[in-house]
Amino acid sequence: MSDAAAAGQPSGQNPDFDSLTRDIADVPAVEVITTVAVHLMSSAAVNLGLAEEGEQHKDLDEARKLIHALAGLVTASATEIGSYHAAPLRDGLKSLQLAFREASTVPDEPGQGPGEKFTGPVHG
């Protein structure tokens, strides 16, 4: 059975991708930025062990990279997306930075944690 037939498409027809997806040019920049930020947050949370069955997914090295990337994105885009969108992203970022500090067996010096190069030292 072909992939098209298995997906419910008659053989020889391609799906109409225009009707299935939005043209990326029509998506506002603020939506793209916040969507990417949410994906980074979600992945960082999983790598911090904050998801169900978290300990088996815990990887602080990966979490550090994701939080650092998130901090760069949030810091660089804050003036472009406005405080309405940036404030919750900053709150989520700070929560992840604090969770990282708590999960670390040897906490980083203040100002040396993931993303703190962009945000400054994070205190609970």
PDB file of N, CA and C in Angstrom:
ATOM      1  N   MET A   1       0.849  -1.181   0.000  1.00  0.00           N
ATOM      2  CA  MET A   1       0.000   0.000   0.000  1.00  0.00           C
ATOM      3  C   MET A   1       0.885   1.231   0.000  1.00  0.00           C
ATOM      4  N   SER A   2       0.597   2.189  -0.864  1.00  0.00           N
ATOM      5  CA  SER A   2       1.415   3.402  -0.943  1.00  0.00           C
ATOM      6  C   SER A   2       1.123   4.315   0.238  1.00  0.00           C
ATOM      7  N   ASP A   3       2.044   5.258   0.474  1.00  0.00           N
ATOM      8  CA  ASP A   3       1.849   6.222   1.560  1.00  0.00           C
ATOM      9  C   ASP A   3       0.598   7.052   1.329  1.00  0.00           C
ATOM     10  N   ALA A   4       0.360   7.436   0.084  1.00  0.00           N
ATOM     11  CA  ALA A   4      -0.814   8.257  -0.231  1.00  0.00           C
ATOM     12  C   ALA A   4      -2.092   7.488   0.066  1.00  0.00           C
ATOM     13  N   ALA A   5      -2.140   6.211  -0.320  1.00  0.00           N
ATOM     14  CA  ALA A   5      -3.338   5.410  -0.073  1.00  0.00           C
ATOM     15  C   ALA A   5      -3.531   5.183   1.419  1.00  0.00           C
ATOM     16  N   ALA A   6      -2.419   4.962   2.136  1.00  0.00           N
ATOM     17  CA  ALA A   6      -2.505   4.749   3.576  1.00  0.00           C
ATOM     18  C   ALA A   6      -3.004   5.992   4.288  1.00  0.00           C
ATOM     19  N   ALA A   7      -2.717   7.148   3.751  1.00  0.00           N
ATOM     20  CA  ALA A   7      -3.135   8.407   4.366  1.00  0.00           C
ATOM     21  C   ALA A   7      -4.531   8.833   3.910  1.00  0.00           C
ATOM     22  N   GLY A   8      -5.194   8.006   3.118  1.00  0.00           N
ATOM     23  CA  GLY A   8      -6.534   8.352   2.667  1.00  0.00           C
ATOM     24  C   GLY A   8      -6.546   9.168   1.401  1.00  0.00           C
ATOM     25  N   GLN A   9      -5.391   9.323   0.749  1.00  0.00           N
ATOM     26  CA  GLN A   9      -5.290  10.078  -0.495  1.00  0.00           C
ATOM     27  C   GLN A   9      -5.400   9.106  -1.659  1.00  0.00           C
ATOM     28  N   PRO A  10      -6.166   9.427  -2.681  1.00  0.00           N
ATOM     29  CA  PRO A  10      -6.188   8.576  -3.856  1.00  0.00           C
ATOM     30  C   PRO A  10      -4.790   8.498  -4.459  1.00  0.00           C
ATOM     31  N   SER A  11      -4.463   7.329  -4.980  1.00  0.00           N
ATOM     32  CA  SER A  11      -3.145   7.125  -5.566  1.00  0.00           C
ATOM     33  C   SER A  11      -2.898   8.135  -6.690  1.00  0.00           C
ATOM     34  N   GLY A  12      -1.700   8.717  -6.711  1.00  0.00           N
ATOM     35  CA  GLY A  12      -1.333   9.670  -7.758  1.00  0.00           C
ATOM     36  C   GLY A  12      -1.658  11.119  -7.427  1.00  0.00           C
ATOM     37  N   GLN A  13      -2.314  11.373  -6.295  1.00  0.00           N
ATOM     38  CA  GLN A  13      -2.623  12.760  -5.937  1.00  0.00           C
ATOM     39  C   GLN A  13      -1.751  13.188  -4.765  1.00  0.00           C
ATOM     40  N   ASN A  14      -1.250  14.400  -4.849  1.00  0.00           N
ATOM     41  CA  ASN A  14      -0.483  14.968  -3.754  1.00  0.00           C
ATOM     42  C   ASN A  14      -1.420  15.750  -2.852  1.00  0.00           C
ATOM     43  N   PRO A  15      -1.145  15.773  -1.547  1.00  0.00           N
ATOM     44  CA  PRO A  15      -1.990  16.567  -0.662  1.00  0.00           C
ATOM     45  C   PRO A  15      -1.871  18.049  -0.999  1.00  0.00           C
ATOM     46  N   ASP A  16      -2.904  18.804  -0.733  1.00  0.00           N
ATOM     47  CA  ASP A  16      -2.911  20.242  -0.983  1.00  0.00           C
ATOM     48  C   ASP A  16      -2.315  20.947   0.228  1.00  0.00           C
ATOM     49  N   PHE A  17      -0.982  21.112   0.201  1.00  0.00           N
ATOM     50  CA  PHE A  17      -0.297  21.697   1.345  1.00  0.00           C
ATOM     51  C   PHE A  17      -0.721  23.134   1.592  1.00  0.00           C
ATOM     52  N   ASP A  18      -1.153  23.833   0.556  1.00  0.00           N
ATOM     53  CA  ASP A  18      -1.610  25.211   0.748  1.00  0.00           C
ATOM     54  C   ASP A  18      -2.817  25.258   1.671  1.00  0.00           C
ATOM     55  N   SER A  19      -3.667  24.255   1.594  1.00  0.00           N
ATOM     56  CA  SER A  19      -4.847  24.253   2.456  1.00  0.00           C
ATOM     57  C   SER A  19      -4.546  23.675   3.828  1.00  0.00           C
ATOM     58  N   LEU A  20      -3.412  22.962   3.972  1.00  0.00           N
ATOM     59  CA  LEU A  20      -3.067  22.344   5.245  1.00  0.00           C
ATOM     60  C   LEU A  20      -2.213  23.234   6.136  1.00  0.00           C
ATOM     61  N   THR A  21      -1.486  24.164   5.561  1.00  0.00           N
ATOM     62  CA  THR A  21      -0.578  25.004   6.344  1.00  0.00           C
ATOM     63  C   THR A  21      -0.777  26.473   5.993  1.00  0.00           C
ATOM     64  N   ARG A  22      -0.384  27.317   6.967  1.00  0.00           N
ATOM     65  CA  ARG A  22      -0.385  28.753   6.702  1.00  0.00           C
ATOM     66  C   ARG A  22       0.910  29.125   6.032  1.00  0.00           C
ATOM     67  N   ASP A  23       0.841  30.067   5.155  1.00  0.00           N
ATOM     68  CA  ASP A  23       2.056  30.575   4.540  1.00  0.00           C
ATOM     69  C   ASP A  23       2.858  31.304   5.607  1.00  0.00           C
ATOM     70  N   ILE A  24       4.116  30.958   5.743  1.00  0.00           N
ATOM     71  CA  ILE A  24       4.962  31.538   6.789  1.00  0.00           C
ATOM     72  C   ILE A  24       5.021  33.060   6.696  1.00  0.00           C
ATOM     73  N   ALA A  25       4.841  33.587   5.501  1.00  0.00           N
ATOM     74  CA  ALA A  25       4.857  35.044   5.338  1.00  0.00           C
ATOM     75  C   ALA A  25       3.660  35.705   6.016  1.00  0.00           C
ATOM     76  N   ASP A  26       2.600  34.938   6.239  1.00  0.00           N
ATOM     77  CA  ASP A  26       1.399  35.485   6.875  1.00  0.00           C
ATOM     78  C   ASP A  26       1.452  35.426   8.401  1.00  0.00           C
ATOM     79  N   VAL A  27       2.462  34.768   8.949  1.00  0.00           N
ATOM     80  CA  VAL A  27       2.564  34.627  10.395  1.00  0.00           C
ATOM     81  C   VAL A  27       3.321  35.834  10.956  1.00  0.00           C
ATOM     82  N   PRO A  28       2.707  36.565  11.890  1.00  0.00           N
ATOM     83  CA  PRO A  28       3.394  37.727  12.476  1.00  0.00           C
ATOM     84  C   PRO A  28       4.663  37.298  13.220  1.00  0.00           C
ATOM     85  N   ALA A  29       5.673  38.152  13.176  1.00  0.00           N
ATOM     86  CA  ALA A  29       6.951  37.870  13.823  1.00  0.00           C
ATOM     87  C   ALA A  29       6.778  37.553  15.303  1.00  0.00           C
ATOM     88  N   VAL A  30       5.897  38.267  15.984  1.00  0.00           N
ATOM     89  CA  VAL A  30       5.704  38.035  17.412  1.00  0.00           C
ATOM     90  C   VAL A  30       5.208  36.605  17.654  1.00  0.00           C
ATOM     91  N   GLU A  31       4.407  36.074  16.764  1.00  0.00           N
ATOM     92  CA  GLU A  31       3.912  34.705  16.906  1.00  0.00           C
ATOM     93  C   GLU A  31       5.036  33.691  16.694  1.00  0.00           C
ATOM     94  N   VAL A  32       5.880  33.934  15.717  1.00  0.00           N
ATOM     95  CA  VAL A  32       7.012  33.040  15.464  1.00  0.00           C
ATOM     96  C   VAL A  32       7.957  33.049  16.666  1.00  0.00           C
ATOM     97  N   ILE A  33       8.274  34.241  17.161  1.00  0.00           N
ATOM     98  CA  ILE A  33       9.203  34.370  18.286  1.00  0.00           C
ATOM     99  C   ILE A  33       8.653  33.696  19.537  1.00  0.00           C
ATOM    100  N   THR A  34       7.394  33.944  19.858  1.00  0.00           N
ATOM    101  CA  THR A  34       6.828  33.339  21.065  1.00  0.00           C
ATOM    102  C   THR A  34       6.685  31.823  20.924  1.00  0.00           C
ATOM    103  N   THR A  35       6.375  31.354  19.737  1.00  0.00           N
ATOM    104  CA  THR A  35       6.276  29.905  19.516  1.00  0.00           C
ATOM    105  C   THR A  35       7.630  29.234  19.714  1.00  0.00           C
ATOM    106  N   VAL A  36       8.667  29.822  19.162  1.00  0.00           N
ATOM    107  CA  VAL A  36      10.015  29.267  19.340  1.00  0.00           C
ATOM    108  C   VAL A  36      10.389  29.299  20.825  1.00  0.00           C
ATOM    109  N   ALA A  37      10.075  30.382  21.503  1.00  0.00           N
ATOM    110  CA  ALA A  37      10.392  30.499  22.931  1.00  0.00           C
ATOM    111  C   ALA A  37       9.668  29.421  23.739  1.00  0.00           C
ATOM    112  N   VAL A  38       8.419  29.174  23.428  1.00  0.00           N
ATOM    113  CA  VAL A  38       7.656  28.148  24.148  1.00  0.00           C
ATOM    114  C   VAL A  38       8.256  26.765  23.899  1.00  0.00           C
ATOM    115  N   HIS A  39       8.691  26.502  22.683  1.00  0.00           N
ATOM    116  CA  HIS A  39       9.334  25.212  22.395  1.00  0.00           C
ATOM    117  C   HIS A  39      10.637  25.074  23.187  1.00  0.00           C
ATOM    118  N   LEU A  40      11.427  26.138  23.243  1.00  0.00           N
ATOM    119  CA  LEU A  40      12.665  26.102  24.029  1.00  0.00           C
ATOM    120  C   LEU A  40      12.362  25.881  25.507  1.00  0.00           C
ATOM    121  N   MET A  41      11.344  26.560  26.019  1.00  0.00           N
ATOM    122  CA  MET A  41      10.952  26.393  27.422  1.00  0.00           C
ATOM    123  C   MET A  41      10.522  24.958  27.710  1.00  0.00           C
ATOM    124  N   SER A  42       9.695  24.426  26.845  1.00  0.00           N
ATOM    125  CA  SER A  42       9.184  23.064  27.045  1.00  0.00           C
ATOM    126  C   SER A  42      10.321  22.047  27.036  1.00  0.00           C
ATOM    127  N   SER A  43      11.204  22.177  26.089  1.00  0.00           N
ATOM    128  CA  SER A  43      12.326  21.249  25.989  1.00  0.00           C
ATOM    129  C   SER A  43      13.251  21.387  27.202  1.00  0.00           C
ATOM    130  N   ALA A  44      13.503  22.609  27.619  1.00  0.00           N
ATOM    131  CA  ALA A  44      14.350  22.830  28.795  1.00  0.00           C
ATOM    132  C   ALA A  44      13.711  22.219  30.036  1.00  0.00           C
ATOM    133  N   ALA A  45      12.413  22.380  30.189  1.00  0.00           N
ATOM    134  CA  ALA A  45      11.711  21.827  31.353  1.00  0.00           C
ATOM    135  C   ALA A  45      11.823  20.302  31.379  1.00  0.00           C
ATOM    136  N   VAL A  46      11.668  19.678  30.233  1.00  0.00           N
ATOM    137  CA  VAL A  46      11.800  18.218  30.156  1.00  0.00           C
ATOM    138  C   VAL A  46      13.227  17.815  30.531  1.00  0.00           C
ATOM    139  N   ASN A  47      14.219  18.530  30.014  1.00  0.00           N
ATOM    140  CA  ASN A  47      15.613  18.206  30.307  1.00  0.00           C
ATOM    141  C   ASN A  47      16.015  18.537  31.741  1.00  0.00           C
ATOM    142  N   LEU A  48      15.215  19.341  32.414  1.00  0.00           N
ATOM    143  CA  LEU A  48      15.450  19.606  33.837  1.00  0.00           C
ATOM    144  C   LEU A  48      14.795  18.539  34.708  1.00  0.00           C
ATOM    145  N   GLY A  49      14.051  17.639  34.074  1.00  0.00           N
ATOM    146  CA  GLY A  49      13.378  16.585  34.824  1.00  0.00           C
ATOM    147  C   GLY A  49      12.047  17.024  35.387  1.00  0.00           C
ATOM    148  N   LEU A  50      11.448  18.080  34.834  1.00  0.00           N
ATOM    149  CA  LEU A  50      10.201  18.620  35.365  1.00  0.00           C
ATOM    150  C   LEU A  50       8.951  17.989  34.746  1.00  0.00           C
ATOM    151  N   ALA A  51       9.138  17.101  33.783  1.00  0.00           N
ATOM    152  CA  ALA A  51       7.995  16.436  33.142  1.00  0.00           C
ATOM    153  C   ALA A  51       7.668  15.158  33.909  1.00  0.00           C
ATOM    154  N   GLU A  52       6.557  14.508  33.523  1.00  0.00           N
ATOM    155  CA  GLU A  52       6.232  13.207  34.092  1.00  0.00           C
ATOM    156  C   GLU A  52       7.397  12.270  33.839  1.00  0.00           C
ATOM    157  N   GLU A  53       7.673  11.414  34.803  1.00  0.00           N
ATOM    158  CA  GLU A  53       8.811  10.504  34.703  1.00  0.00           C
ATOM    159  C   GLU A  53      10.085  11.288  34.390  1.00  0.00           C
ATOM    160  N   GLY A  54      10.203  12.439  35.026  1.00  0.00           N
ATOM    161  CA  GLY A  54      11.257  13.395  34.712  1.00  0.00           C
ATOM    162  C   GLY A  54      12.672  12.908  34.863  1.00  0.00           C
ATOM    163  N   GLU A  55      12.938  12.101  35.860  1.00  0.00           N
ATOM    164  CA  GLU A  55      14.318  11.680  36.103  1.00  0.00           C
ATOM    165  C   GLU A  55      14.912  10.926  34.918  1.00  0.00           C
ATOM    166  N   GLN A  56      14.102  10.190  34.172  1.00  0.00           N
ATOM    167  CA  GLN A  56      14.660   9.439  33.052  1.00  0.00           C
ATOM    168  C   GLN A  56      14.975  10.341  31.858  1.00  0.00           C
ATOM    169  N   HIS A  57      14.458  11.573  31.847  1.00  0.00           N
ATOM    170  CA  HIS A  57      14.722  12.510  30.755  1.00  0.00           C
ATOM    171  C   HIS A  57      15.698  13.620  31.160  1.00  0.00           C
ATOM    172  N   LYS A  58      16.130  13.595  32.398  1.00  0.00           N
ATOM    173  CA  LYS A  58      16.951  14.678  32.930  1.00  0.00           C
ATOM    174  C   LYS A  58      18.327  14.713  32.271  1.00  0.00           C
ATOM    175  N   ASP A  59      18.677  15.873  31.739  1.00  0.00           N
ATOM    176  CA  ASP A  59      19.979  16.086  31.102  1.00  0.00           C
ATOM    177  C   ASP A  59      20.315  17.559  31.266  1.00  0.00           C
ATOM    178  N   LEU A  60      21.062  17.872  32.308  1.00  0.00           N
ATOM    179  CA  LEU A  60      21.342  19.270  32.626  1.00  0.00           C
ATOM    180  C   LEU A  60      22.204  19.964  31.587  1.00  0.00           C
ATOM    181  N   ASP A  61      23.047  19.215  30.895  1.00  0.00           N
ATOM    182  CA  ASP A  61      23.861  19.819  29.836  1.00  0.00           C
ATOM    183  C   ASP A  61      22.959  20.331  28.711  1.00  0.00           C
ATOM    184  N   GLU A  62      21.988  19.511  28.318  1.00  0.00           N
ATOM    185  CA  GLU A  62      21.030  19.936  27.286  1.00  0.00           C
ATOM    186  C   GLU A  62      20.171  21.093  27.797  1.00  0.00           C
ATOM    187  N   ALA A  63      19.733  21.007  29.040  1.00  0.00           N
ATOM    188  CA  ALA A  63      18.909  22.075  29.621  1.00  0.00           C
ATOM    189  C   ALA A  63      19.667  23.396  29.624  1.00  0.00           C
ATOM    190  N   ARG A  64      20.949  23.353  29.963  1.00  0.00           N
ATOM    191  CA  ARG A  64      21.769  24.581  29.984  1.00  0.00           C
ATOM    192  C   ARG A  64      21.778  25.245  28.610  1.00  0.00           C
ATOM    193  N   LYS A  65      21.980  24.451  27.564  1.00  0.00           N
ATOM    194  CA  LYS A  65      22.027  24.996  26.207  1.00  0.00           C
ATOM    195  C   LYS A  65      20.691  25.628  25.820  1.00  0.00           C
ATOM    196  N   LEU A  66      19.614  24.941  26.139  1.00  0.00           N
ATOM    197  CA  LEU A  66      18.282  25.445  25.782  1.00  0.00           C
ATOM    198  C   LEU A  66      17.944  26.732  26.543  1.00  0.00           C
ATOM    199  N   ILE A  67      18.272  26.763  27.820  1.00  0.00           N
ATOM    200  CA  ILE A  67      17.997  27.961  28.617  1.00  0.00           C
ATOM    201  C   ILE A  67      18.842  29.129  28.123  1.00  0.00           C
ATOM    202  N   HIS A  68      20.076  28.858  27.783  1.00  0.00           N
ATOM    203  CA  HIS A  68      20.955  29.914  27.264  1.00  0.00           C
ATOM    204  C   HIS A  68      20.381  30.481  25.952  1.00  0.00           C
ATOM    205  N   ALA A  69      19.940  29.600  25.062  1.00  0.00           N
ATOM    206  CA  ALA A  69      19.344  30.040  23.792  1.00  0.00           C
ATOM    207  C   ALA A  69      18.060  30.822  24.039  1.00  0.00           C
ATOM    208  N   LEU A  70      17.253  30.358  24.971  1.00  0.00           N
ATOM    209  CA  LEU A  70      16.015  31.055  25.317  1.00  0.00           C
ATOM    210  C   LEU A  70      16.315  32.447  25.851  1.00  0.00           C
ATOM    211  N   ALA A  71      17.294  32.561  26.719  1.00  0.00           N
ATOM    212  CA  ALA A  71      17.655  33.865  27.284  1.00  0.00           C
ATOM    213  C   ALA A  71      18.096  34.827  26.188  1.00  0.00           C
ATOM    214  N   GLY A  72      18.883  34.332  25.244  1.00  0.00           N
ATOM    215  CA  GLY A  72      19.317  35.179  24.136  1.00  0.00           C
ATOM    216  C   GLY A  72      18.139  35.643  23.300  1.00  0.00           C
ATOM    217  N   LEU A  73      17.236  34.732  22.996  1.00  0.00           N
ATOM    218  CA  LEU A  73      16.064  35.073  22.192  1.00  0.00           C
ATOM    219  C   LEU A  73      15.166  36.075  22.912  1.00  0.00           C
ATOM    220  N   VAL A  74      14.868  35.812  24.161  1.00  0.00           N
ATOM    221  CA  VAL A  74      13.976  36.699  24.920  1.00  0.00           C
ATOM    222  C   VAL A  74      14.602  38.077  25.086  1.00  0.00           C
ATOM    223  N   THR A  75      15.871  38.128  25.417  1.00  0.00           N
ATOM    224  CA  THR A  75      16.547  39.407  25.614  1.00  0.00           C
ATOM    225  C   THR A  75      16.609  40.205  24.317  1.00  0.00           C
ATOM    226  N   ALA A  76      16.988  39.540  23.242  1.00  0.00           N
ATOM    227  CA  ALA A  76      17.135  40.238  21.962  1.00  0.00           C
ATOM    228  C   ALA A  76      15.806  40.686  21.379  1.00  0.00           C
ATOM    229  N   SER A  77      14.746  39.941  21.634  1.00  0.00           N
ATOM    230  CA  SER A  77      13.467  40.254  20.994  1.00  0.00           C
ATOM    231  C   SER A  77      12.516  41.062  21.868  1.00  0.00           C
ATOM    232  N   ALA A  78      12.838  41.270  23.117  1.00  0.00           N
ATOM    233  CA  ALA A  78      11.904  41.921  24.049  1.00  0.00           C
ATOM    234  C   ALA A  78      11.399  43.269  23.548  1.00  0.00           C
ATOM    235  N   THR A  79      12.279  44.091  23.018  1.00  0.00           N
ATOM    236  CA  THR A  79      11.833  45.407  22.554  1.00  0.00           C
ATOM    237  C   THR A  79      10.997  45.299  21.279  1.00  0.00           C
ATOM    238  N   GLU A  80      11.215  44.240  20.521  1.00  0.00           N
ATOM    239  CA  GLU A  80      10.477  44.066  19.268  1.00  0.00           C
ATOM    240  C   GLU A  80       9.073  43.518  19.494  1.00  0.00           C
ATOM    241  N   ILE A  81       8.912  42.643  20.495  1.00  0.00           N
ATOM    242  CA  ILE A  81       7.604  42.005  20.702  1.00  0.00           C
ATOM    243  C   ILE A  81       6.772  42.710  21.763  1.00  0.00           C
ATOM    244  N   GLY A  82       7.367  43.630  22.496  1.00  0.00           N
ATOM    245  CA  GLY A  82       6.629  44.404  23.493  1.00  0.00           C
ATOM    246  C   GLY A  82       6.499  43.681  24.820  1.00  0.00           C
ATOM    247  N   SER A  83       6.234  44.427  25.862  1.00  0.00           N
ATOM    248  CA  SER A  83       6.208  43.861  27.211  1.00  0.00           C
ATOM    249  C   SER A  83       5.033  42.907  27.420  1.00  0.00           C
ATOM    250  N   TYR A  84       3.943  43.095  26.689  1.00  0.00           N
ATOM    251  CA  TYR A  84       2.796  42.194  26.819  1.00  0.00           C
ATOM    252  C   TYR A  84       3.204  40.752  26.526  1.00  0.00           C
ATOM    253  N   HIS A  85       4.036  40.554  25.528  1.00  0.00           N
ATOM    254  CA  HIS A  85       4.498  39.219  25.159  1.00  0.00           C
ATOM    255  C   HIS A  85       5.795  38.848  25.866  1.00  0.00           C
ATOM    256  N   ALA A  86       6.667  39.819  26.105  1.00  0.00           N
ATOM    257  CA  ALA A  86       7.975  39.540  26.683  1.00  0.00           C
ATOM    258  C   ALA A  86       7.892  39.199  28.175  1.00  0.00           C
ATOM    259  N   ALA A  87       6.999  39.828  28.913  1.00  0.00           N
ATOM    260  CA  ALA A  87       6.934  39.609  30.364  1.00  0.00           C
ATOM    261  C   ALA A  87       6.708  38.144  30.733  1.00  0.00           C
ATOM    262  N   PRO A  88       5.729  37.450  30.139  1.00  0.00           N
ATOM    263  CA  PRO A  88       5.564  36.038  30.498  1.00  0.00           C
ATOM    264  C   PRO A  88       6.752  35.174  30.067  1.00  0.00           C
ATOM    265  N   LEU A  89       7.400  35.544  28.970  1.00  0.00           N
ATOM    266  CA  LEU A  89       8.582  34.794  28.546  1.00  0.00           C
ATOM    267  C   LEU A  89       9.716  34.984  29.548  1.00  0.00           C
ATOM    268  N   ARG A  90       9.872  36.204  30.039  1.00  0.00           N
ATOM    269  CA  ARG A  90      10.908  36.466  31.054  1.00  0.00           C
ATOM    270  C   ARG A  90      10.616  35.683  32.331  1.00  0.00           C
ATOM    271  N   ASP A  91       9.338  35.650  32.730  1.00  0.00           N
ATOM    272  CA  ASP A  91       8.955  34.895  33.934  1.00  0.00           C
ATOM    273  C   ASP A  91       9.272  33.407  33.778  1.00  0.00           C
ATOM    274  N   GLY A  92       8.926  32.856  32.614  1.00  0.00           N
ATOM    275  CA  GLY A  92       9.217  31.449  32.356  1.00  0.00           C
ATOM    276  C   GLY A  92      10.708  31.178  32.341  1.00  0.00           C
ATOM    277  N   LEU A  93      11.460  32.075  31.741  1.00  0.00           N
ATOM    278  CA  LEU A  93      12.918  31.954  31.695  1.00  0.00           C
ATOM    279  C   LEU A  93      13.497  31.952  33.103  1.00  0.00           C
ATOM    280  N   LYS A  94      13.057  32.884  33.927  1.00  0.00           N
ATOM    281  CA  LYS A  94      13.569  32.964  35.302  1.00  0.00           C
ATOM    282  C   LYS A  94      13.239  31.690  36.075  1.00  0.00           C
ATOM    283  N   SER A  95      12.036  31.167  35.887  1.00  0.00           N
ATOM    284  CA  SER A  95      11.654  29.924  36.561  1.00  0.00           C
ATOM    285  C   SER A  95      12.568  28.772  36.145  1.00  0.00           C
ATOM    286  N   LEU A  96      12.880  28.701  34.864  1.00  0.00           N
ATOM    287  CA  LEU A  96      13.775  27.647  34.387  1.00  0.00           C
ATOM    288  C   LEU A  96      15.189  27.836  34.928  1.00  0.00           C
ATOM    289  N   GLN A  97      15.643  29.076  34.980  1.00  0.00           N
ATOM    290  CA  GLN A  97      16.982  29.335  35.512  1.00  0.00           C
ATOM    291  C   GLN A  97      17.055  28.929  36.987  1.00  0.00           C
ATOM    292  N   LEU A  98      16.017  29.238  37.745  1.00  0.00           N
ATOM    293  CA  LEU A  98      15.992  28.851  39.155  1.00  0.00           C
ATOM    294  C   LEU A  98      15.898  27.336  39.309  1.00  0.00           C
ATOM    295  N   ALA A  99      15.110  26.696  38.466  1.00  0.00           N
ATOM    296  CA  ALA A  99      14.996  25.234  38.504  1.00  0.00           C
ATOM    297  C   ALA A  99      16.327  24.583  38.159  1.00  0.00           C
ATOM    298  N   PHE A 100      17.054  25.168  37.230  1.00  0.00           N
ATOM    299  CA  PHE A 100      18.371  24.649  36.875  1.00  0.00           C
ATOM    300  C   PHE A 100      19.304  24.744  38.074  1.00  0.00           C
ATOM    301  N   ARG A 101      19.297  25.891  38.726  1.00  0.00           N
ATOM    302  CA  ARG A 101      20.169  26.089  39.889  1.00  0.00           C
ATOM    303  C   ARG A 101      19.835  25.060  40.974  1.00  0.00           C
ATOM    304  N   GLU A 102      18.549  24.822  41.171  1.00  0.00           N
ATOM    305  CA  GLU A 102      18.104  23.869  42.185  1.00  0.00           C
ATOM    306  C   GLU A 102      18.481  22.428  41.811  1.00  0.00           C
ATOM    307  N   ALA A 103      18.434  22.105  40.529  1.00  0.00           N
ATOM    308  CA  ALA A 103      18.728  20.744  40.071  1.00  0.00           C
ATOM    309  C   ALA A 103      20.222  20.441  40.029  1.00  0.00           C
ATOM    310  N   SER A 104      21.039  21.474  40.004  1.00  0.00           N
ATOM    311  CA  SER A 104      22.488  21.281  39.888  1.00  0.00           C
ATOM    312  C   SER A 104      23.079  20.817  41.212  1.00  0.00           C
ATOM    313  N   THR A 105      23.929  19.805  41.145  1.00  0.00           N
ATOM    314  CA  THR A 105      24.601  19.351  42.368  1.00  0.00           C
ATOM    315  C   THR A 105      25.673  20.345  42.799  1.00  0.00           C
ATOM    316  N   VAL A 106      26.279  21.018  41.818  1.00  0.00           N
ATOM    317  CA  VAL A 106      27.260  22.073  42.101  1.00  0.00           C
ATOM    318  C   VAL A 106      26.752  23.325  41.388  1.00  0.00           C
ATOM    319  N   PRO A 107      26.012  24.167  42.111  1.00  0.00           N
ATOM    320  CA  PRO A 107      25.434  25.354  41.464  1.00  0.00           C
ATOM    321  C   PRO A 107      26.491  26.296  40.906  1.00  0.00           C
ATOM    322  N   ASP A 108      26.147  26.933  39.800  1.00  0.00           N
ATOM    323  CA  ASP A 108      27.026  27.930  39.192  1.00  0.00           C
ATOM    324  C   ASP A 108      27.116  29.151  40.105  1.00  0.00           C
ATOM    325  N   GLU A 109      28.217  29.872  39.963  1.00  0.00           N
ATOM    326  CA  GLU A 109      28.359  31.153  40.663  1.00  0.00           C
ATOM    327  C   GLU A 109      27.280  32.100  40.142  1.00  0.00           C
ATOM    328  N   PRO A 110      26.794  33.032  40.983  1.00  0.00           N
ATOM    329  CA  PRO A 110      25.814  34.000  40.490  1.00  0.00           C
ATOM    330  C   PRO A 110      26.343  34.723  39.244  1.00  0.00           C
ATOM    331  N   GLY A 111      25.510  34.788  38.228  1.00  0.00           N
ATOM    332  CA  GLY A 111      25.890  35.414  36.976  1.00  0.00           C
ATOM    333  C   GLY A 111      26.511  34.451  35.980  1.00  0.00           C
ATOM    334  N   GLN A 112      26.784  33.207  36.399  1.00  0.00           N
ATOM    335  CA  GLN A 112      27.415  32.219  35.531  1.00  0.00           C
ATOM    336  C   GLN A 112      26.461  31.095  35.110  1.00  0.00           C
ATOM    337  N   GLY A 113      25.222  31.141  35.577  1.00  0.00           N
ATOM    338  CA  GLY A 113      24.248  30.111  35.231  1.00  0.00           C
ATOM    339  C   GLY A 113      23.783  30.268  33.789  1.00  0.00           C
ATOM    340  N   PRO A 114      23.006  29.305  33.318  1.00  0.00           N
ATOM    341  CA  PRO A 114      22.547  29.373  31.928  1.00  0.00           C
ATOM    342  C   PRO A 114      21.726  30.628  31.653  1.00  0.00           C
ATOM    343  N   GLY A 115      22.125  31.358  30.631  1.00  0.00           N
ATOM    344  CA  GLY A 115      21.410  32.558  30.218  1.00  0.00           C
ATOM    345  C   GLY A 115      21.706  33.796  31.025  1.00  0.00           C
ATOM    346  N   GLU A 116      22.427  33.647  32.136  1.00  0.00           N
ATOM    347  CA  GLU A 116      22.682  34.807  32.987  1.00  0.00           C
ATOM    348  C   GLU A 116      23.627  35.809  32.335  1.00  0.00           C
ATOM    349  N   LYS A 117      24.306  35.392  31.297  1.00  0.00           N
ATOM    350  CA  LYS A 117      25.115  36.323  30.494  1.00  0.00           C
ATOM    351  C   LYS A 117      24.206  37.400  29.894  1.00  0.00           C
ATOM    352  N   PHE A 118      22.969  37.013  29.591  1.00  0.00           N
ATOM    353  CA  PHE A 118      22.010  37.932  28.984  1.00  0.00           C
ATOM    354  C   PHE A 118      21.088  38.587  30.009  1.00  0.00           C
ATOM    355  N   THR A 119      20.749  37.860  31.082  1.00  0.00           N
ATOM    356  CA  THR A 119      19.753  38.362  32.025  1.00  0.00           C
ATOM    357  C   THR A 119      20.337  38.957  33.293  1.00  0.00           C
ATOM    358  N   GLY A 120      21.602  38.679  33.537  1.00  0.00           N
ATOM    359  CA  GLY A 120      22.195  39.045  34.813  1.00  0.00           C
ATOM    360  C   GLY A 120      21.898  37.943  35.824  1.00  0.00           C
ATOM    361  N   PRO A 121      22.485  38.026  37.017  1.00  0.00           N
ATOM    362  CA  PRO A 121      22.286  36.989  38.019  1.00  0.00           C
ATOM    363  C   PRO A 121      20.810  36.807  38.382  1.00  0.00           C
ATOM    364  N   VAL A 122      20.433  35.563  38.558  1.00  0.00           N
ATOM    365  CA  VAL A 122      19.046  35.241  38.919  1.00  0.00           C
ATOM    366  C   VAL A 122      19.025  34.773  40.356  1.00  0.00           C
ATOM    367  N   HIS A 123      18.190  35.396  41.161  1.00  0.00           N
ATOM    368  CA  HIS A 123      18.054  35.041  42.577  1.00  0.00           C
ATOM    369  C   HIS A 123      16.613  34.649  42.833  1.00  0.00           C
ATOM    370  N   GLY A 124      16.425  33.682  43.723  1.00  0.00           N
ATOM    371  CA  GLY A 124      15.086  33.195  44.061  1.00  0.00           C
ATOM    372  C   GLY A 124      14.334  34.147  44.819  1.00  0.00           C
TER     373      GLY A 124
END
